N, C-alpha and C. Protein backbone atom coordinates (compact mmCIF):
# COMPACT_ATOMS: atom_id res chain seq x y z
N MET A 1 58.43 95.81 119.11
CA MET A 1 59.78 95.97 118.30
C MET A 1 60.60 95.02 119.38
N ASP A 2 61.48 94.35 118.77
CA ASP A 2 62.57 93.58 119.75
C ASP A 2 63.42 94.33 120.44
N ILE A 3 63.76 94.74 121.55
CA ILE A 3 64.87 95.60 122.03
C ILE A 3 65.74 94.38 122.74
N ARG A 4 67.02 94.55 122.35
CA ARG A 4 68.01 93.85 123.11
C ARG A 4 68.94 94.61 123.61
N PHE A 5 69.34 94.43 124.87
CA PHE A 5 70.55 95.18 125.34
C PHE A 5 71.54 94.20 125.38
N VAL A 6 72.80 94.54 124.76
CA VAL A 6 73.97 93.79 124.75
C VAL A 6 75.08 94.30 125.34
N LYS A 7 75.90 93.52 125.88
CA LYS A 7 77.13 93.96 126.90
C LYS A 7 78.08 94.73 126.23
N ASP A 8 78.31 94.81 124.95
CA ASP A 8 79.49 95.44 124.22
C ASP A 8 79.18 95.40 122.80
N THR A 9 79.62 96.26 121.91
CA THR A 9 79.65 96.21 120.38
C THR A 9 79.90 95.00 119.60
N THR A 10 80.81 94.19 120.40
CA THR A 10 81.48 93.09 119.70
C THR A 10 80.29 91.92 119.72
N THR A 11 79.55 92.07 120.81
CA THR A 11 78.51 91.02 121.01
C THR A 11 77.22 91.51 120.01
N MET A 12 76.83 92.80 119.95
CA MET A 12 76.07 93.26 119.24
C MET A 12 76.31 92.75 117.77
N ALA A 13 77.73 93.19 117.24
CA ALA A 13 77.88 92.69 115.92
C ALA A 13 77.66 91.21 115.56
N GLU A 14 78.03 90.59 116.31
CA GLU A 14 77.90 89.02 116.32
C GLU A 14 76.46 88.53 116.23
N ILE A 15 75.58 89.18 116.99
CA ILE A 15 74.01 88.82 116.70
C ILE A 15 73.56 89.28 115.33
N ALA A 16 73.87 90.80 115.27
CA ALA A 16 73.24 91.33 114.09
C ALA A 16 73.83 90.76 112.85
N SER A 17 75.14 90.59 112.68
CA SER A 17 75.59 90.00 111.48
C SER A 17 75.20 88.44 111.21
N SER A 18 74.90 87.94 112.14
CA SER A 18 74.19 86.37 112.01
C SER A 18 72.55 86.59 111.60
N VAL A 19 72.08 87.73 112.09
CA VAL A 19 70.64 87.81 111.46
C VAL A 19 70.61 88.25 109.92
N ILE A 20 71.66 89.23 109.62
CA ILE A 20 71.87 89.39 108.21
C ILE A 20 72.20 88.18 107.38
N ALA A 21 73.25 87.59 107.70
CA ALA A 21 73.61 86.28 107.05
C ALA A 21 72.54 85.37 106.93
N GLU A 22 71.67 85.03 107.74
CA GLU A 22 70.64 84.25 107.96
C GLU A 22 69.43 84.68 106.87
N ALA A 23 69.13 86.09 106.86
CA ALA A 23 68.27 86.43 105.77
C ALA A 23 68.85 86.28 104.48
N ILE A 24 70.06 86.41 104.10
CA ILE A 24 70.64 86.25 102.75
C ILE A 24 70.57 84.99 102.28
N ARG A 25 70.86 83.87 103.35
CA ARG A 25 70.85 82.46 102.89
C ARG A 25 69.24 82.07 102.46
N GLN A 26 68.33 82.62 103.36
CA GLN A 26 66.92 82.49 103.01
C GLN A 26 66.57 83.05 101.71
N LYS A 27 66.92 84.29 101.44
CA LYS A 27 66.74 84.85 99.89
C LYS A 27 67.93 85.67 99.72
N PRO A 28 68.82 85.03 98.71
CA PRO A 28 69.93 85.43 98.20
C PRO A 28 69.99 86.92 97.39
N ASP A 29 68.70 86.97 96.91
CA ASP A 29 68.72 88.38 96.20
C ASP A 29 68.16 89.35 96.87
N LEU A 30 67.94 89.41 98.22
CA LEU A 30 67.28 90.37 98.97
C LEU A 30 67.94 91.61 98.56
N LEU A 31 67.07 92.71 99.11
CA LEU A 31 67.82 94.13 98.80
C LEU A 31 68.02 94.57 100.21
N LEU A 32 69.53 94.83 100.57
CA LEU A 32 69.63 95.16 101.78
C LEU A 32 70.10 96.71 101.65
N CYS A 33 69.40 97.47 102.57
CA CYS A 33 69.72 99.01 102.92
C CYS A 33 70.86 99.19 103.87
N ALA A 34 71.77 99.85 103.37
CA ALA A 34 73.14 99.75 104.30
C ALA A 34 73.44 101.35 104.67
N ALA A 35 73.33 101.39 106.14
CA ALA A 35 73.90 102.64 106.77
C ALA A 35 75.40 102.72 106.80
N THR A 36 75.92 103.64 107.41
CA THR A 36 77.17 103.81 107.26
C THR A 36 77.47 104.48 108.63
N GLY A 37 78.95 104.81 109.19
CA GLY A 37 79.07 105.34 110.52
C GLY A 37 79.78 104.51 111.28
N ASN A 38 79.96 104.93 112.68
CA ASN A 38 80.41 103.75 113.72
C ASN A 38 79.69 102.60 113.87
N SER A 39 78.39 102.75 114.05
CA SER A 39 77.77 101.77 114.62
C SER A 39 77.69 100.45 113.74
N PRO A 40 77.52 100.31 112.68
CA PRO A 40 77.51 99.19 111.90
C PRO A 40 78.68 98.63 111.46
N THR A 41 80.03 99.23 111.65
CA THR A 41 81.03 98.98 111.13
C THR A 41 81.46 97.24 111.71
N LYS A 42 81.62 97.08 112.87
CA LYS A 42 81.82 95.51 113.24
C LYS A 42 80.74 94.77 112.58
N THR A 43 79.42 95.35 112.66
CA THR A 43 78.54 94.17 112.01
C THR A 43 78.96 93.82 110.65
N TYR A 44 79.16 94.89 109.95
CA TYR A 44 79.65 94.58 108.43
C TYR A 44 80.94 93.65 108.32
N LYS A 45 81.84 93.76 109.16
CA LYS A 45 83.36 93.13 109.41
C LYS A 45 82.89 91.64 109.73
N LEU A 46 81.97 91.50 110.80
CA LEU A 46 81.42 90.07 110.76
C LEU A 46 80.91 89.25 109.88
N LEU A 47 79.93 90.17 109.32
CA LEU A 47 79.24 89.58 107.96
C LEU A 47 80.24 89.12 106.99
N ILE A 48 81.08 89.95 106.59
CA ILE A 48 82.18 89.61 105.75
C ILE A 48 82.99 88.23 105.95
N ALA A 49 83.23 88.18 107.40
CA ALA A 49 83.70 86.82 108.03
C ALA A 49 83.04 85.57 107.73
N GLN A 50 81.92 85.83 107.41
CA GLN A 50 80.81 84.69 107.55
C GLN A 50 80.47 84.34 105.83
N LYS A 51 81.31 85.25 105.13
CA LYS A 51 80.96 84.97 103.59
C LYS A 51 80.79 83.76 102.85
N ALA A 52 81.71 82.83 103.62
CA ALA A 52 81.62 81.40 103.28
C ALA A 52 80.42 80.82 103.26
N ASN A 53 79.55 81.12 104.16
CA ASN A 53 78.28 80.42 104.75
C ASN A 53 77.17 80.97 104.01
N PHE A 54 77.53 82.06 103.05
CA PHE A 54 76.25 82.35 102.26
C PHE A 54 76.55 82.92 100.83
N ASP A 55 75.72 82.85 99.85
CA ASP A 55 75.81 83.28 98.47
C ASP A 55 75.57 84.74 98.35
N SER A 56 76.56 85.79 98.06
CA SER A 56 76.32 87.09 97.54
C SER A 56 76.27 87.59 96.46
N SER A 57 76.26 86.54 95.53
CA SER A 57 76.37 86.82 94.04
C SER A 57 75.10 87.53 93.38
N GLN A 58 74.03 87.20 94.36
CA GLN A 58 72.56 88.14 93.64
C GLN A 58 72.20 89.13 94.61
N LEU A 59 72.88 89.33 95.87
CA LEU A 59 72.67 90.33 96.85
C LEU A 59 72.69 91.74 96.15
N ARG A 60 71.42 92.63 96.56
CA ARG A 60 71.49 93.88 96.06
C ARG A 60 71.43 94.75 97.12
N VAL A 61 72.32 95.96 97.08
CA VAL A 61 72.74 96.64 98.02
C VAL A 61 72.29 98.32 97.70
N ILE A 62 71.48 98.82 98.60
CA ILE A 62 70.91 100.39 98.37
C ILE A 62 71.73 101.18 99.35
N LYS A 63 72.14 102.30 98.89
CA LYS A 63 72.74 102.98 99.99
C LYS A 63 71.59 103.94 100.66
N LEU A 64 71.74 104.05 102.09
CA LEU A 64 70.76 105.00 102.89
C LEU A 64 70.74 106.24 102.91
N ASP A 65 71.93 106.82 102.73
CA ASP A 65 72.19 108.22 102.45
C ASP A 65 73.39 108.66 102.27
N GLU A 66 73.42 109.90 101.72
CA GLU A 66 74.74 110.35 101.62
C GLU A 66 75.03 111.76 101.69
N TRP A 67 76.04 112.29 102.24
CA TRP A 67 76.69 113.76 102.47
C TRP A 67 76.63 114.34 100.79
N GLY A 68 76.16 115.56 100.86
CA GLY A 68 75.74 116.05 99.52
C GLY A 68 76.91 117.36 99.28
N GLY A 69 77.33 117.71 98.15
CA GLY A 69 78.22 118.60 98.00
C GLY A 69 79.74 118.62 98.20
N VAL A 70 80.16 117.31 97.96
CA VAL A 70 81.45 116.61 98.34
C VAL A 70 81.94 115.81 97.12
N SER A 71 83.00 115.57 96.91
CA SER A 71 83.26 114.64 95.75
C SER A 71 83.31 113.32 96.32
N MET A 72 82.80 112.23 95.17
CA MET A 72 82.42 111.00 95.67
C MET A 72 83.74 110.15 96.27
N ASP A 73 84.91 110.73 96.00
CA ASP A 73 86.20 110.13 96.15
C ASP A 73 86.66 110.58 97.62
N ASN A 74 86.04 111.56 98.13
CA ASN A 74 86.37 111.98 99.51
C ASN A 74 86.26 110.74 100.41
N ALA A 75 87.32 110.51 101.13
CA ALA A 75 87.43 109.31 102.10
C ALA A 75 86.19 108.97 103.10
N GLN A 76 85.67 110.39 103.41
CA GLN A 76 84.62 110.32 104.31
C GLN A 76 83.14 110.22 103.93
N THR A 77 83.05 110.00 102.55
CA THR A 77 81.78 109.89 102.00
C THR A 77 81.05 108.42 102.59
N CYS A 78 79.88 108.30 102.41
CA CYS A 78 79.14 107.14 102.73
C CYS A 78 79.50 106.15 101.68
N GLU A 79 79.88 106.69 100.48
CA GLU A 79 80.29 105.79 99.20
C GLU A 79 81.76 105.19 99.71
N GLN A 80 82.58 105.79 100.00
CA GLN A 80 83.94 105.26 100.35
C GLN A 80 83.78 104.26 101.39
N TYR A 81 82.87 104.60 102.67
CA TYR A 81 82.75 103.64 103.42
C TYR A 81 82.22 102.51 103.15
N LEU A 82 81.12 102.67 102.29
CA LEU A 82 80.36 101.18 101.91
C LEU A 82 81.34 100.41 100.99
N GLN A 83 82.09 101.31 100.21
CA GLN A 83 82.97 100.42 99.07
C GLN A 83 83.98 99.71 99.88
N GLN A 84 84.40 100.17 100.95
CA GLN A 84 85.55 99.65 101.79
C GLN A 84 84.77 98.46 102.97
N HIS A 85 83.78 98.63 103.23
CA HIS A 85 83.30 97.74 104.34
C HIS A 85 82.34 96.88 103.78
N LEU A 86 81.44 97.02 102.67
CA LEU A 86 80.71 96.20 102.22
C LEU A 86 80.69 95.84 100.58
N ILE A 87 80.71 96.64 99.64
CA ILE A 87 80.52 96.43 98.41
C ILE A 87 81.82 95.65 97.85
N LYS A 88 82.94 96.05 98.11
CA LYS A 88 83.81 95.30 97.41
C LYS A 88 84.21 94.03 98.10
N PRO A 89 84.38 93.86 99.68
CA PRO A 89 84.36 92.48 100.16
C PRO A 89 83.44 91.81 99.73
N LEU A 90 82.00 92.12 99.53
CA LEU A 90 81.04 91.06 99.13
C LEU A 90 80.96 90.79 97.61
N GLU A 91 81.73 91.79 96.87
CA GLU A 91 81.82 91.73 95.34
C GLU A 91 80.45 91.94 94.63
N ILE A 92 79.85 92.91 95.51
CA ILE A 92 78.36 93.48 94.63
C ILE A 92 78.87 94.24 93.42
N SER A 93 78.32 93.67 92.27
CA SER A 93 78.53 94.07 91.08
C SER A 93 77.94 95.71 90.77
N PRO A 94 78.23 96.42 89.75
CA PRO A 94 77.55 97.66 89.84
C PRO A 94 76.01 97.61 89.61
N GLU A 95 75.62 96.69 88.95
CA GLU A 95 74.23 96.71 88.59
C GLU A 95 73.32 96.47 89.72
N ARG A 96 74.05 95.75 90.59
CA ARG A 96 73.48 95.35 91.98
C ARG A 96 73.50 96.38 93.18
N TYR A 97 74.21 97.44 92.83
CA TYR A 97 74.40 98.59 93.79
C TYR A 97 73.67 99.79 93.46
N PHE A 98 73.01 100.43 94.24
CA PHE A 98 72.23 101.60 93.85
C PHE A 98 72.59 102.68 94.99
N ALA A 99 73.15 103.95 94.32
CA ALA A 99 73.60 104.75 95.28
C ALA A 99 73.56 106.07 94.92
N PHE A 100 73.13 106.76 95.90
CA PHE A 100 73.29 108.55 95.60
C PHE A 100 74.52 108.82 95.31
N GLN A 101 74.79 109.71 94.26
CA GLN A 101 76.01 110.62 93.91
C GLN A 101 76.04 111.84 94.80
N SER A 102 77.23 111.87 95.63
CA SER A 102 77.27 112.96 96.24
C SER A 102 77.48 114.28 95.77
N ASN A 103 78.01 114.25 94.41
CA ASN A 103 78.20 115.69 93.99
C ASN A 103 77.53 115.87 92.61
N SER A 104 75.98 115.35 92.61
CA SER A 104 75.47 115.75 91.49
C SER A 104 75.38 116.94 91.34
N GLU A 105 75.29 117.38 90.06
CA GLU A 105 75.03 118.85 89.43
C GLU A 105 73.59 119.14 89.71
N HIS A 106 72.64 118.09 89.60
CA HIS A 106 71.46 118.21 89.77
C HIS A 106 70.83 117.19 90.89
N PRO A 107 70.98 117.77 92.23
CA PRO A 107 70.51 116.81 93.26
C PRO A 107 69.08 116.46 93.00
N VAL A 108 68.24 117.22 92.58
CA VAL A 108 66.93 116.97 92.50
C VAL A 108 66.55 115.69 91.79
N ASN A 109 67.28 115.59 90.49
CA ASN A 109 67.45 114.39 89.62
C ASN A 109 67.83 113.33 90.42
N GLU A 110 68.80 113.47 91.19
CA GLU A 110 69.37 112.16 91.66
C GLU A 110 68.21 111.58 92.58
N ILE A 111 67.74 112.41 93.44
CA ILE A 111 66.48 112.13 94.28
C ILE A 111 65.41 111.42 93.52
N ALA A 112 65.18 111.97 92.21
CA ALA A 112 64.14 111.42 91.54
C ALA A 112 64.67 109.82 90.86
N ALA A 113 65.85 109.51 90.59
CA ALA A 113 66.22 108.42 90.04
C ALA A 113 66.30 107.64 91.14
N MET A 114 66.87 107.80 92.39
CA MET A 114 66.79 106.79 93.57
C MET A 114 65.38 106.35 93.74
N GLN A 115 64.49 107.27 93.86
CA GLN A 115 63.03 106.88 94.09
C GLN A 115 62.52 105.81 93.04
N THR A 116 62.92 106.18 91.49
CA THR A 116 62.41 105.31 90.65
C THR A 116 63.11 103.81 90.91
N ILE A 117 64.42 103.99 91.30
CA ILE A 117 65.16 102.75 91.59
C ILE A 117 64.53 101.91 92.69
N LEU A 118 64.15 102.63 93.69
CA LEU A 118 63.53 102.00 94.69
C LEU A 118 62.13 101.14 94.40
N ALA A 119 61.57 101.92 93.64
CA ALA A 119 60.09 101.57 93.22
C ALA A 119 60.26 100.26 92.45
N ALA A 120 61.35 100.21 91.68
CA ALA A 120 61.49 99.04 90.81
C ALA A 120 62.18 97.79 91.54
N ASN A 121 62.96 98.17 92.51
CA ASN A 121 63.40 96.96 93.06
C ASN A 121 63.04 96.75 94.76
N GLY A 122 62.34 97.61 95.02
CA GLY A 122 61.83 97.28 96.35
C GLY A 122 60.61 96.49 96.71
N PRO A 123 60.26 96.34 98.04
CA PRO A 123 60.49 97.28 99.07
C PRO A 123 61.81 96.75 99.41
N ILE A 124 62.51 97.06 100.51
CA ILE A 124 63.63 96.67 100.95
C ILE A 124 63.69 95.72 101.99
N ASP A 125 64.52 94.62 101.91
CA ASP A 125 64.23 93.40 102.66
C ASP A 125 64.66 93.67 104.11
N ILE A 126 66.01 94.21 104.28
CA ILE A 126 66.56 94.31 105.44
C ILE A 126 67.11 95.94 105.43
N CYS A 127 66.59 96.73 106.48
CA CYS A 127 67.36 97.96 106.45
C CYS A 127 68.06 98.17 107.73
N ILE A 128 69.51 98.42 107.57
CA ILE A 128 70.24 98.74 108.90
C ILE A 128 70.39 100.40 109.23
N LEU A 129 70.23 100.48 110.22
CA LEU A 129 69.97 101.68 110.82
C LEU A 129 70.87 102.09 111.92
N GLY A 130 71.16 103.33 112.18
CA GLY A 130 71.77 103.59 113.29
C GLY A 130 70.99 104.81 114.01
N LEU A 131 71.25 105.37 115.27
CA LEU A 131 70.44 106.17 115.90
C LEU A 131 71.31 107.32 115.98
N GLY A 132 70.78 108.72 115.38
CA GLY A 132 71.73 109.85 115.46
C GLY A 132 71.31 110.45 116.89
N LEU A 133 72.18 111.37 117.25
CA LEU A 133 72.37 112.15 118.44
C LEU A 133 70.94 113.06 118.61
N ASN A 134 70.37 113.30 117.81
CA ASN A 134 69.17 114.18 117.66
C ASN A 134 67.86 113.39 117.44
N GLY A 135 68.18 111.84 117.42
CA GLY A 135 67.02 110.84 117.22
C GLY A 135 66.77 110.84 115.69
N HIS A 136 67.56 111.04 114.68
CA HIS A 136 67.52 111.24 113.43
C HIS A 136 67.71 109.89 112.74
N ILE A 137 67.06 109.19 111.91
CA ILE A 137 67.89 108.14 111.32
C ILE A 137 67.91 108.42 109.72
N ALA A 138 68.98 107.76 109.03
CA ALA A 138 69.58 108.63 107.83
C ALA A 138 69.51 110.10 108.11
N PHE A 139 69.20 110.74 106.97
CA PHE A 139 69.11 112.31 107.14
C PHE A 139 67.89 112.80 107.26
N ASN A 140 66.84 111.76 107.97
CA ASN A 140 65.59 112.44 108.15
C ASN A 140 65.69 113.03 109.65
N GLU A 141 66.07 114.40 109.63
CA GLU A 141 66.07 115.33 110.74
C GLU A 141 64.84 115.67 111.47
N PRO A 142 64.91 115.51 112.87
CA PRO A 142 63.89 116.33 113.63
C PRO A 142 63.21 117.57 112.82
N ALA A 143 61.90 117.70 112.80
CA ALA A 143 61.21 118.48 111.96
C ALA A 143 59.66 118.74 112.53
N GLU A 144 58.92 119.59 112.11
CA GLU A 144 57.46 119.54 112.32
C GLU A 144 56.75 118.41 111.54
N LEU A 145 57.39 118.39 110.06
CA LEU A 145 56.99 117.59 109.39
C LEU A 145 58.03 116.63 108.83
N LEU A 146 57.85 115.41 108.56
CA LEU A 146 58.85 114.65 108.01
C LEU A 146 58.54 114.04 106.56
N GLU A 147 59.71 113.74 105.66
CA GLU A 147 59.54 113.66 104.39
C GLU A 147 59.15 112.28 104.24
N PRO A 148 58.17 111.77 103.38
CA PRO A 148 58.09 110.31 103.42
C PRO A 148 59.08 109.68 102.43
N ASN A 149 59.73 110.30 101.22
CA ASN A 149 60.21 109.66 100.38
C ASN A 149 61.73 110.54 99.99
N CYS A 150 62.40 109.71 99.35
CA CYS A 150 63.75 110.34 98.89
C CYS A 150 64.00 111.90 98.79
N HIS A 151 64.63 112.44 99.52
CA HIS A 151 64.62 113.75 99.45
C HIS A 151 66.10 114.29 99.90
N ILE A 152 66.02 115.76 99.43
CA ILE A 152 67.33 116.44 99.76
C ILE A 152 66.98 117.11 101.34
N ALA A 153 67.89 116.82 102.00
CA ALA A 153 67.87 117.21 103.71
C ALA A 153 68.85 118.55 103.97
N THR A 154 68.38 119.15 104.92
CA THR A 154 68.86 120.25 105.39
C THR A 154 69.57 119.63 106.60
N LEU A 155 71.02 119.56 106.64
CA LEU A 155 71.79 118.88 107.79
C LEU A 155 71.60 119.43 108.93
N SER A 156 71.21 119.01 110.17
CA SER A 156 71.07 119.56 111.42
C SER A 156 72.72 119.92 111.95
N GLU A 157 72.66 120.84 113.01
CA GLU A 157 73.98 120.85 113.54
C GLU A 157 74.60 119.63 114.02
N LYS A 158 73.68 118.79 114.91
CA LYS A 158 74.15 117.42 115.26
C LYS A 158 74.74 116.49 114.14
N SER A 159 74.38 116.63 113.21
CA SER A 159 74.68 115.89 111.70
C SER A 159 75.99 116.40 111.41
N MET A 160 76.13 117.68 111.58
CA MET A 160 77.35 118.30 110.91
C MET A 160 78.59 118.13 111.85
N GLN A 161 78.18 117.74 113.22
CA GLN A 161 79.34 117.23 114.08
C GLN A 161 79.59 116.09 114.25
N HIS A 162 79.01 115.10 113.26
CA HIS A 162 79.62 113.71 113.07
C HIS A 162 80.80 113.62 112.39
N SER A 163 81.63 112.76 112.89
CA SER A 163 83.04 112.63 112.64
C SER A 163 83.27 112.35 111.19
N MET A 164 82.42 111.97 110.37
CA MET A 164 82.44 111.90 108.98
C MET A 164 82.54 113.18 108.41
N ALA A 165 81.67 114.11 108.75
CA ALA A 165 81.42 115.42 108.04
C ALA A 165 82.66 116.22 108.68
N SER A 166 83.06 116.37 110.08
CA SER A 166 84.12 116.95 110.73
C SER A 166 85.61 116.90 110.08
N GLU A 167 85.65 115.47 109.37
CA GLU A 167 87.02 114.93 108.95
C GLU A 167 86.97 115.06 107.45
N MET A 168 85.77 115.88 107.04
CA MET A 168 85.90 115.46 105.23
C MET A 168 86.88 116.62 104.72
N GLY A 169 87.23 117.86 105.41
CA GLY A 169 87.83 118.80 104.68
C GLY A 169 87.05 119.78 104.06
N THR A 170 86.27 119.06 103.14
CA THR A 170 85.08 120.13 102.50
C THR A 170 83.79 119.91 103.26
N GLN A 171 83.24 120.94 103.64
CA GLN A 171 81.85 120.90 104.42
C GLN A 171 80.80 120.54 103.61
N PRO A 172 80.09 119.42 103.75
CA PRO A 172 78.88 119.04 103.11
C PRO A 172 77.82 120.27 103.12
N THR A 173 77.05 120.35 101.92
CA THR A 173 76.05 121.57 102.11
C THR A 173 74.43 121.09 102.19
N TYR A 174 74.41 119.65 101.97
CA TYR A 174 73.09 118.94 102.31
C TYR A 174 73.29 117.56 102.41
N GLY A 175 72.18 116.92 102.71
CA GLY A 175 72.28 115.26 102.56
C GLY A 175 71.23 114.76 101.49
N LEU A 176 71.44 113.84 101.19
CA LEU A 176 70.70 112.83 100.25
C LEU A 176 70.32 111.64 101.09
N THR A 177 68.81 111.46 101.08
CA THR A 177 68.61 110.37 101.80
C THR A 177 67.20 109.50 101.55
N LEU A 178 66.96 108.33 101.93
CA LEU A 178 65.66 107.78 101.78
C LEU A 178 64.72 108.44 102.65
N GLY A 179 63.56 108.42 102.63
CA GLY A 179 62.61 109.20 103.46
C GLY A 179 61.94 108.25 104.39
N MET A 180 61.11 108.60 105.25
CA MET A 180 60.57 107.71 106.43
C MET A 180 59.79 106.54 105.71
N ALA A 181 58.72 106.89 104.77
CA ALA A 181 58.13 105.76 104.34
C ALA A 181 58.78 104.87 103.54
N ASP A 182 59.89 105.33 102.85
CA ASP A 182 60.78 104.28 102.20
C ASP A 182 61.15 103.32 103.16
N ILE A 183 61.82 103.85 104.35
CA ILE A 183 62.40 103.11 105.50
C ILE A 183 61.43 102.09 106.28
N LEU A 184 60.15 102.74 106.56
CA LEU A 184 59.21 101.98 107.25
C LEU A 184 58.66 100.91 106.31
N GLN A 185 58.56 100.89 104.97
CA GLN A 185 58.17 100.01 104.16
C GLN A 185 58.90 98.86 104.03
N SER A 186 60.39 98.74 104.81
CA SER A 186 61.05 97.66 104.88
C SER A 186 60.48 96.50 105.33
N ARG A 187 60.65 95.42 105.02
CA ARG A 187 60.23 94.11 105.50
C ARG A 187 61.18 94.16 106.92
N GLN A 188 62.16 94.14 107.17
CA GLN A 188 62.73 94.10 108.36
C GLN A 188 63.74 94.93 108.65
N ILE A 189 63.69 95.54 109.92
CA ILE A 189 64.48 96.78 109.97
C ILE A 189 65.71 96.33 111.55
N VAL A 190 66.96 96.51 111.30
CA VAL A 190 67.86 96.53 112.15
C VAL A 190 68.48 97.61 112.54
N MET A 191 68.13 97.96 114.07
CA MET A 191 68.82 99.21 114.24
C MET A 191 69.81 98.96 115.54
N LEU A 192 71.19 99.43 115.11
CA LEU A 192 72.23 99.30 115.92
C LEU A 192 72.65 100.74 116.74
N VAL A 193 72.60 100.73 117.96
CA VAL A 193 72.78 101.82 118.89
C VAL A 193 73.96 101.45 119.69
N THR A 194 74.91 102.58 119.36
CA THR A 194 76.17 102.47 120.13
C THR A 194 76.69 103.97 120.53
N GLY A 195 77.56 104.25 121.44
CA GLY A 195 78.00 105.24 121.54
C GLY A 195 77.52 106.03 123.01
N GLN A 196 78.52 106.15 124.01
CA GLN A 196 78.25 106.78 125.30
C GLN A 196 77.54 107.88 125.18
N ASN A 197 77.65 108.70 124.21
CA ASN A 197 76.96 110.15 124.17
C ASN A 197 75.45 110.03 123.74
N LYS A 198 75.09 108.87 123.65
CA LYS A 198 73.54 108.85 123.38
C LYS A 198 72.56 108.64 124.46
N LYS A 199 72.94 108.46 125.54
CA LYS A 199 72.25 108.14 126.71
C LYS A 199 70.85 108.97 126.53
N ASP A 200 70.97 110.23 126.60
CA ASP A 200 69.71 111.10 126.48
C ASP A 200 68.50 110.77 125.44
N ILE A 201 69.15 110.53 124.30
CA ILE A 201 68.35 110.29 123.22
C ILE A 201 67.99 108.80 123.23
N VAL A 202 68.54 107.77 123.74
CA VAL A 202 68.18 106.50 123.83
C VAL A 202 67.04 106.41 124.78
N ALA A 203 66.99 107.15 126.10
CA ALA A 203 65.85 107.21 126.84
C ALA A 203 64.55 108.00 126.30
N LYS A 204 64.87 109.09 125.41
CA LYS A 204 63.80 109.45 124.86
C LYS A 204 62.90 108.64 123.93
N PHE A 205 63.81 107.80 123.21
CA PHE A 205 63.62 106.68 122.18
C PHE A 205 62.74 105.57 122.76
N LEU A 206 63.34 105.32 123.97
CA LEU A 206 62.72 103.90 124.82
C LEU A 206 61.28 104.58 125.58
N SER A 207 61.18 105.74 125.64
CA SER A 207 60.18 106.15 126.14
C SER A 207 58.74 106.00 125.20
N LYS A 208 58.72 105.46 124.02
CA LYS A 208 57.87 104.78 123.13
C LYS A 208 56.97 106.29 122.63
N LYS A 209 57.36 107.45 122.91
CA LYS A 209 56.61 108.47 122.52
C LYS A 209 56.98 108.76 120.92
N ILE A 210 55.80 108.72 120.00
CA ILE A 210 56.13 109.00 118.79
C ILE A 210 55.90 110.26 118.46
N THR A 211 57.03 110.93 117.76
CA THR A 211 57.08 112.41 117.62
C THR A 211 58.00 112.73 116.36
N SER A 212 57.57 113.80 115.41
CA SER A 212 58.47 114.04 114.28
C SER A 212 60.06 114.73 115.03
N GLN A 213 59.86 115.10 116.34
CA GLN A 213 61.06 115.54 116.81
C GLN A 213 62.07 114.52 117.07
N ILE A 214 61.75 113.22 117.11
CA ILE A 214 62.55 112.07 117.08
C ILE A 214 62.12 111.09 116.05
N PRO A 215 62.78 111.33 114.71
CA PRO A 215 62.09 110.74 113.68
C PRO A 215 62.28 108.86 114.01
N ALA A 216 63.20 108.59 114.70
CA ALA A 216 63.50 107.32 115.15
C ALA A 216 62.03 106.80 115.82
N SER A 217 61.41 107.40 116.56
CA SER A 217 60.35 106.96 117.27
C SER A 217 59.46 106.28 116.24
N PHE A 218 59.25 106.65 114.90
CA PHE A 218 58.45 106.07 114.25
C PHE A 218 58.57 104.67 113.94
N LEU A 219 59.67 104.12 114.24
CA LEU A 219 60.09 102.75 114.17
C LEU A 219 59.41 101.80 115.08
N TRP A 220 58.48 102.41 116.20
CA TRP A 220 57.44 101.58 117.00
C TRP A 220 56.34 101.40 116.19
N LEU A 221 56.27 102.04 115.18
CA LEU A 221 55.12 101.57 114.38
C LEU A 221 55.27 100.37 113.63
N HIS A 222 56.52 99.99 113.20
CA HIS A 222 56.51 98.89 112.62
C HIS A 222 56.94 97.47 113.28
N ASN A 223 56.45 96.58 112.46
CA ASN A 223 55.97 95.16 113.08
C ASN A 223 57.22 94.14 113.19
N ASN A 224 58.47 94.71 112.63
CA ASN A 224 59.47 93.83 112.42
C ASN A 224 60.75 94.55 112.69
N VAL A 225 61.13 94.91 113.87
CA VAL A 225 62.49 96.04 114.11
C VAL A 225 63.07 95.15 115.30
N GLN A 226 64.23 94.75 115.07
CA GLN A 226 65.19 94.36 115.87
C GLN A 226 66.10 95.52 116.40
N CYS A 227 65.97 96.07 117.49
CA CYS A 227 66.85 97.12 118.08
C CYS A 227 68.02 96.72 119.06
N PHE A 228 69.08 96.64 118.70
CA PHE A 228 70.14 96.15 119.65
C PHE A 228 70.90 97.67 120.28
N ILE A 229 70.86 97.49 121.61
CA ILE A 229 71.25 98.61 122.17
C ILE A 229 72.60 98.20 123.33
N ASP A 230 73.56 98.82 123.04
CA ASP A 230 74.90 98.79 123.57
C ASP A 230 74.57 99.21 125.04
N GLU A 231 74.97 98.19 126.18
CA GLU A 231 74.69 98.80 127.46
C GLU A 231 75.67 99.98 127.90
N GLN A 232 76.45 100.28 127.26
CA GLN A 232 77.33 101.40 127.49
C GLN A 232 76.78 102.67 127.49
N THR A 233 75.64 102.87 126.61
CA THR A 233 74.89 103.80 126.45
C THR A 233 73.78 104.24 127.40
N ILE A 234 73.42 103.15 128.13
CA ILE A 234 72.62 103.68 128.83
C ILE A 234 73.07 103.64 130.51
């Protein structure tokens, strides 16, 4: 794993967005798995700023996870975040965007459909990840056993404290997420770690101890991970 400590989130975004832009230049039809939340926002902004330097007309995007049991038009859903920060600015057409529906009447069918889409279009070329306060990645929460593929997740207390959930108005009742194997099969992973409240979990992650109680620790098994850590977190 390539660990890079950066002085601030702007520096992180400058480096990470350049990594993504170069990958798109090398493979215009790559499959980008996009995380949401505070950590990748600046990276996406700077990626959009470089739009003139790469062709996004073939780029495919898959949503990493989604809050379940809320309307898709809720401003705090992953859907609305990605539409604002990535899908619309990069002009990703509907046939090139693969997304969980947050309010499906049959979440199990939603999971099955996404797994089929991933099988047909994958593996993921670049997966953008953040690090949760409890060590989760996507909605792969700490547990005795981790799910390998797309699944319905029981949201932890830490996840429910996320600003997206707390500001939603309607409390999400579950999560929809890619599984650990789906993520680890990505050709390249870029993890962005920001937030002064993550000091403890960053220390545990950097210990390199692999445990299902810190799902992000499984990234140590991958041979192509670039992890950017804001120095403010340590």
